[in-house]
Amino acid sequence: MAGRVARYQADRTNQKMYFCRIYCQQAEQTQKGQLQEAHIESALMHLYGGYLAFLQEVARYYNLTMPNPSLQSISDALETKTQVSPEVMRLKQLLANDYLGDIEKAWQQIIYKPVPQNLGNESDESNKNAKLPVIDVMASPSSTHISVDMIRQWRGDLVDTIDSLREGMVEF
């Protein structure tokens, strides 16, 4: 395993999963509020980072030179080489129909500002000119409804998936 870790950079994936676990612990030990939300976001950031690091492992396993591989870019590169990857097929399935899709949605929730709702009828010209400037305040992070328990479950699922996929990523 040590040679495999060094060759395919599995240590980065493992480190990200470890950091995710630490931030989950920190969030549980912190009172509800902005600090707890920061720990939850950090845990999710490291969880998603672990997924991205695993994609890099997969790319390196298939000798693809990609500094920032995505699931689609790996799939496309393998298709041009007429190779099929069981790892890519499994990850695509989980992204479309399972917890990996939930992780992706949660990541999108915390990384991008919410789209503002329509602020009223803007067809009235006099109303437009009379309006005060609108200060758009982001929704509080707690509105994302991402809990420590959700992240822990996703982390466990992702670790199990990575471990099972790594078993198949052996050289003969």
C-alpha atoms as a PDB file:
ATOM      1  CA  MET A   1       0.000   0.000   0.000  1.00  0.00           C
ATOM      2  CA  ALA A   2       2.855   2.427   0.745  1.00  0.00           C
ATOM      3  CA  GLY A   3       4.067   2.314  -2.863  1.00  0.00           C
ATOM      4  CA  ARG A   4       0.527   2.815  -4.097  1.00  0.00           C
ATOM      5  CA  VAL A   5       0.049   5.808  -1.830  1.00  0.00           C
ATOM      6  CA  ALA A   6       3.259   7.417  -3.053  1.00  0.00           C
ATOM      7  CA  ARG A   7       2.596   6.670  -6.708  1.00  0.00           C
ATOM      8  CA  TYR A   8      -1.017   7.816  -7.001  1.00  0.00           C
ATOM      9  CA  GLN A   9      -1.104  10.518  -4.304  1.00  0.00           C
ATOM     10  CA  ALA A  10      -3.642   8.706  -2.117  1.00  0.00           C
ATOM     11  CA  ASP A  11      -2.125  10.473   0.862  1.00  0.00           C
ATOM     12  CA  ARG A  12      -3.812  13.744  -0.186  1.00  0.00           C
ATOM     13  CA  THR A  13      -7.197  12.053  -0.404  1.00  0.00           C
ATOM     14  CA  ASN A  14      -6.691  10.471   3.017  1.00  0.00           C
ATOM     15  CA  GLN A  15      -5.562  13.798   4.477  1.00  0.00           C
ATOM     16  CA  LYS A  16      -8.674  15.596   3.183  1.00  0.00           C
ATOM     17  CA  MET A  17     -10.919  12.924   4.699  1.00  0.00           C
ATOM     18  CA  TYR A  18      -9.062  13.257   8.005  1.00  0.00           C
ATOM     19  CA  PHE A  19      -9.503  17.049   7.975  1.00  0.00           C
ATOM     20  CA  CYS A  20     -13.210  16.554   7.278  1.00  0.00           C
ATOM     21  CA  ARG A  21     -13.480  14.341  10.350  1.00  0.00           C
ATOM     22  CA  ILE A  22     -11.656  16.919  12.502  1.00  0.00           C
ATOM     23  CA  TYR A  23     -13.988  19.737  11.404  1.00  0.00           C
ATOM     24  CA  CYS A  24     -17.032  17.558  12.105  1.00  0.00           C
ATOM     25  CA  GLN A  25     -15.715  17.043  15.638  1.00  0.00           C
ATOM     26  CA  GLN A  26     -15.105  20.781  15.996  1.00  0.00           C
ATOM     27  CA  ALA A  27     -18.635  21.567  14.807  1.00  0.00           C
ATOM     28  CA  GLU A  28     -20.120  19.160  17.347  1.00  0.00           C
ATOM     29  CA  GLN A  29     -18.114  20.718  20.174  1.00  0.00           C
ATOM     30  CA  THR A  30     -19.085  24.279  19.235  1.00  0.00           C
ATOM     31  CA  GLN A  31     -22.290  26.032  20.221  1.00  0.00           C
ATOM     32  CA  LYS A  32     -24.805  26.742  17.480  1.00  0.00           C
ATOM     33  CA  GLY A  33     -23.943  29.878  15.588  1.00  0.00           C
ATOM     34  CA  GLN A  34     -21.573  31.222  13.004  1.00  0.00           C
ATOM     35  CA  LEU A  35     -18.515  29.393  14.335  1.00  0.00           C
ATOM     36  CA  GLN A  36     -20.335  26.077  14.123  1.00  0.00           C
ATOM     37  CA  GLU A  37     -21.481  26.935  10.592  1.00  0.00           C
ATOM     38  CA  ALA A  38     -17.872  27.741   9.684  1.00  0.00           C
ATOM     39  CA  HIS A  39     -16.776  24.320  10.940  1.00  0.00           C
ATOM     40  CA  ILE A  40     -19.568  22.627   8.982  1.00  0.00           C
ATOM     41  CA  GLU A  41     -18.576  24.479   5.806  1.00  0.00           C
ATOM     42  CA  SER A  42     -14.929  23.580   6.397  1.00  0.00           C
ATOM     43  CA  ALA A  43     -15.854  19.919   6.864  1.00  0.00           C
ATOM     44  CA  LEU A  44     -17.813  19.979   3.616  1.00  0.00           C
ATOM     45  CA  MET A  45     -14.960  21.769   1.847  1.00  0.00           C
ATOM     46  CA  HIS A  46     -12.531  19.036   2.897  1.00  0.00           C
ATOM     47  CA  LEU A  47     -15.013  16.295   2.017  1.00  0.00           C
ATOM     48  CA  TYR A  48     -15.418  17.701  -1.487  1.00  0.00           C
ATOM     49  CA  GLY A  49     -11.653  18.192  -1.649  1.00  0.00           C
ATOM     50  CA  GLY A  50     -11.237  14.509  -0.804  1.00  0.00           C
ATOM     51  CA  TYR A  51     -13.466  13.625  -3.738  1.00  0.00           C
ATOM     52  CA  LEU A  52     -11.399  15.875  -6.033  1.00  0.00           C
ATOM     53  CA  ALA A  53      -8.162  14.371  -4.697  1.00  0.00           C
ATOM     54  CA  PHE A  54      -9.509  10.895  -5.444  1.00  0.00           C
ATOM     55  CA  LEU A  55     -10.273  11.992  -9.000  1.00  0.00           C
ATOM     56  CA  GLN A  56      -6.622  12.968  -9.264  1.00  0.00           C
ATOM     57  CA  GLU A  57      -5.678   9.491  -8.005  1.00  0.00           C
ATOM     58  CA  VAL A  58      -7.842   7.921 -10.699  1.00  0.00           C
ATOM     59  CA  ALA A  59      -6.337  10.153 -13.392  1.00  0.00           C
ATOM     60  CA  ARG A  60      -2.821   9.249 -12.309  1.00  0.00           C
ATOM     61  CA  TYR A  61      -3.687   5.559 -12.143  1.00  0.00           C
ATOM     62  CA  TYR A  62      -4.658   5.725 -15.818  1.00  0.00           C
ATOM     63  CA  ASN A  63      -1.541   7.787 -16.662  1.00  0.00           C
ATOM     64  CA  LEU A  64      -3.550  10.878 -17.565  1.00  0.00           C
ATOM     65  CA  THR A  65      -1.722  14.180 -17.257  1.00  0.00           C
ATOM     66  CA  MET A  66      -4.366  16.452 -15.757  1.00  0.00           C
ATOM     67  CA  PRO A  67      -3.623  19.099 -13.148  1.00  0.00           C
ATOM     68  CA  ASN A  68      -7.347  19.555 -12.306  1.00  0.00           C
ATOM     69  CA  PRO A  69      -9.192  16.415 -13.365  1.00  0.00           C
ATOM     70  CA  SER A  70     -12.956  16.241 -13.312  1.00  0.00           C
ATOM     71  CA  LEU A  71     -15.050  13.134 -13.667  1.00  0.00           C
ATOM     72  CA  GLN A  72     -16.020  14.220 -17.180  1.00  0.00           C
ATOM     73  CA  SER A  73     -12.473  15.088 -18.270  1.00  0.00           C
ATOM     74  CA  ILE A  74     -11.199  11.704 -17.058  1.00  0.00           C
ATOM     75  CA  SER A  75     -14.050   9.944 -18.850  1.00  0.00           C
ATOM     76  CA  ASP A  76     -13.372  11.873 -22.070  1.00  0.00           C
ATOM     77  CA  ALA A  77      -9.613  11.204 -21.938  1.00  0.00           C
ATOM     78  CA  LEU A  78     -10.165   7.494 -21.353  1.00  0.00           C
ATOM     79  CA  GLU A  79     -12.684   7.358 -24.183  1.00  0.00           C
ATOM     80  CA  THR A  80     -10.107   8.775 -26.609  1.00  0.00           C
ATOM     81  CA  LYS A  81      -7.712   6.037 -25.454  1.00  0.00           C
ATOM     82  CA  THR A  82     -10.551   3.474 -25.841  1.00  0.00           C
ATOM     83  CA  GLN A  83     -10.258   2.568 -22.168  1.00  0.00           C
ATOM     84  CA  VAL A  84     -13.059   1.914 -19.733  1.00  0.00           C
ATOM     85  CA  SER A  85     -12.722   2.723 -16.057  1.00  0.00           C
ATOM     86  CA  PRO A  86     -14.879   0.915 -13.509  1.00  0.00           C
ATOM     87  CA  GLU A  87     -13.974   3.702 -11.067  1.00  0.00           C
ATOM     88  CA  VAL A  88     -15.346   6.406 -13.367  1.00  0.00           C
ATOM     89  CA  MET A  89     -18.482   4.378 -14.102  1.00  0.00           C
ATOM     90  CA  ARG A  90     -19.154   3.880 -10.373  1.00  0.00           C
ATOM     91  CA  LEU A  91     -18.529   7.543  -9.522  1.00  0.00           C
ATOM     92  CA  LYS A  92     -20.833   8.691 -12.340  1.00  0.00           C
ATOM     93  CA  GLN A  93     -23.555   6.415 -10.993  1.00  0.00           C
ATOM     94  CA  LEU A  94     -23.130   7.789  -7.458  1.00  0.00           C
ATOM     95  CA  LEU A  95     -23.112  11.364  -8.760  1.00  0.00           C
ATOM     96  CA  ALA A  96     -26.334  10.867 -10.696  1.00  0.00           C
ATOM     97  CA  ASN A  97     -28.346   8.817  -8.213  1.00  0.00           C
ATOM     98  CA  ASP A  98     -26.777   8.733  -4.781  1.00  0.00           C
ATOM     99  CA  TYR A  99     -24.861  10.501  -2.036  1.00  0.00           C
ATOM    100  CA  LEU A 100     -22.185  11.939  -4.338  1.00  0.00           C
ATOM    101  CA  GLY A 101     -24.881  14.034  -6.007  1.00  0.00           C
ATOM    102  CA  ASP A 102     -25.954  15.256  -2.561  1.00  0.00           C
ATOM    103  CA  ILE A 103     -22.371  16.241  -1.741  1.00  0.00           C
ATOM    104  CA  GLU A 104     -22.160  18.140  -5.041  1.00  0.00           C
ATOM    105  CA  LYS A 105     -25.428  20.007  -4.308  1.00  0.00           C
ATOM    106  CA  ALA A 106     -24.302  20.873  -0.782  1.00  0.00           C
ATOM    107  CA  TRP A 107     -20.977  22.129  -2.146  1.00  0.00           C
ATOM    108  CA  GLN A 108     -22.844  24.336  -4.639  1.00  0.00           C
ATOM    109  CA  GLN A 109     -24.986  25.710  -1.799  1.00  0.00           C
ATOM    110  CA  ILE A 110     -22.048  26.902   0.240  1.00  0.00           C
ATOM    111  CA  ILE A 111     -19.725  28.016  -2.536  1.00  0.00           C
ATOM    112  CA  TYR A 112     -22.128  30.213  -4.527  1.00  0.00           C
ATOM    113  CA  LYS A 113     -24.285  33.087  -3.371  1.00  0.00           C
ATOM    114  CA  PRO A 114     -28.014  32.323  -3.599  1.00  0.00           C
ATOM    115  CA  VAL A 115     -29.871  33.829  -6.559  1.00  0.00           C
ATOM    116  CA  PRO A 116     -31.933  36.772  -5.252  1.00  0.00           C
ATOM    117  CA  GLN A 117     -35.688  36.516  -5.437  1.00  0.00           C
ATOM    118  CA  ASN A 118     -37.620  39.028  -7.537  1.00  0.00           C
ATOM    119  CA  LEU A 119     -37.693  42.241  -5.538  1.00  0.00           C
ATOM    120  CA  GLY A 120     -41.003  43.491  -6.913  1.00  0.00           C
ATOM    121  CA  ASN A 121     -42.660  44.899 -10.010  1.00  0.00           C
ATOM    122  CA  GLU A 122     -40.028  46.926 -11.821  1.00  0.00           C
ATOM    123  CA  SER A 123     -42.213  47.970 -14.758  1.00  0.00           C
ATOM    124  CA  ASP A 124     -43.390  51.121 -13.000  1.00  0.00           C
ATOM    125  CA  GLU A 125     -40.906  53.890 -14.055  1.00  0.00           C
ATOM    126  CA  SER A 126     -41.700  56.209 -11.153  1.00  0.00           C
ATOM    127  CA  ASN A 127     -41.255  53.354  -8.746  1.00  0.00           C
ATOM    128  CA  LYS A 128     -37.822  52.558 -10.207  1.00  0.00           C
ATOM    129  CA  ASN A 129     -36.528  56.067  -9.671  1.00  0.00           C
ATOM    130  CA  ALA A 130     -37.968  56.368  -6.175  1.00  0.00           C
ATOM    131  CA  LYS A 131     -36.430  53.156  -4.858  1.00  0.00           C
ATOM    132  CA  LEU A 132     -33.626  53.299  -2.392  1.00  0.00           C
ATOM    133  CA  PRO A 133     -30.569  51.233  -3.189  1.00  0.00           C
ATOM    134  CA  VAL A 134     -31.103  47.605  -2.298  1.00  0.00           C
ATOM    135  CA  ILE A 135     -28.508  46.003  -0.099  1.00  0.00           C
ATOM    136  CA  ASP A 136     -28.472  42.338  -0.934  1.00  0.00           C
ATOM    137  CA  VAL A 137     -27.644  40.426   2.230  1.00  0.00           C
ATOM    138  CA  MET A 138     -26.747  36.769   1.788  1.00  0.00           C
ATOM    139  CA  ALA A 139     -28.907  34.260   3.538  1.00  0.00           C
ATOM    140  CA  SER A 140     -27.420  32.942   6.716  1.00  0.00           C
ATOM    141  CA  PRO A 141     -25.348  29.778   6.249  1.00  0.00           C
ATOM    142  CA  SER A 142     -27.805  27.887   8.437  1.00  0.00           C
ATOM    143  CA  SER A 143     -30.352  28.168   5.640  1.00  0.00           C
ATOM    144  CA  THR A 144     -28.402  25.536   3.711  1.00  0.00           C
ATOM    145  CA  HIS A 145     -29.638  22.818   6.091  1.00  0.00           C
ATOM    146  CA  ILE A 146     -26.350  20.924   6.005  1.00  0.00           C
ATOM    147  CA  SER A 147     -25.764  19.150   9.293  1.00  0.00           C
ATOM    148  CA  VAL A 148     -22.749  17.507  10.863  1.00  0.00           C
ATOM    149  CA  ASP A 149     -24.608  14.187  10.765  1.00  0.00           C
ATOM    150  CA  MET A 150     -25.152  14.529   7.008  1.00  0.00           C
ATOM    151  CA  ILE A 151     -21.476  15.255   6.424  1.00  0.00           C
ATOM    152  CA  ARG A 152     -20.423  12.339   8.634  1.00  0.00           C
ATOM    153  CA  GLN A 153     -22.702  10.000   6.692  1.00  0.00           C
ATOM    154  CA  TRP A 154     -21.409  11.280   3.350  1.00  0.00           C
ATOM    155  CA  ARG A 155     -17.823  10.987   4.582  1.00  0.00           C
ATOM    156  CA  GLY A 156     -18.370   7.372   5.638  1.00  0.00           C
ATOM    157  CA  ASP A 157     -19.992   6.567   2.298  1.00  0.00           C
ATOM    158  CA  LEU A 158     -17.196   8.250   0.340  1.00  0.00           C
ATOM    159  CA  VAL A 159     -14.448   6.548   2.359  1.00  0.00           C
ATOM    160  CA  ASP A 160     -16.119   3.161   1.784  1.00  0.00           C
ATOM    161  CA  THR A 161     -16.453   3.865  -1.940  1.00  0.00           C
ATOM    162  CA  ILE A 162     -12.845   5.035  -2.255  1.00  0.00           C
ATOM    163  CA  ASP A 163     -11.571   1.998  -0.349  1.00  0.00           C
ATOM    164  CA  SER A 164     -13.541  -0.406  -2.534  1.00  0.00           C
ATOM    165  CA  LEU A 165     -12.436   1.335  -5.745  1.00  0.00           C
ATOM    166  CA  ARG A 166      -8.811   1.363  -4.600  1.00  0.00           C
ATOM    167  CA  GLU A 167      -8.955  -2.417  -4.184  1.00  0.00           C
ATOM    168  CA  GLY A 168      -9.539  -2.658  -7.926  1.00  0.00           C
ATOM    169  CA  MET A 169      -6.801  -0.156  -8.732  1.00  0.00           C
ATOM    170  CA  VAL A 170      -3.918  -2.588  -8.377  1.00  0.00           C
ATOM    171  CA  GLU A 171      -1.142  -3.291 -10.812  1.00  0.00           C
ATOM    172  CA  PHE A 172      -0.477  -6.826 -11.922  1.00  0.00           C
END
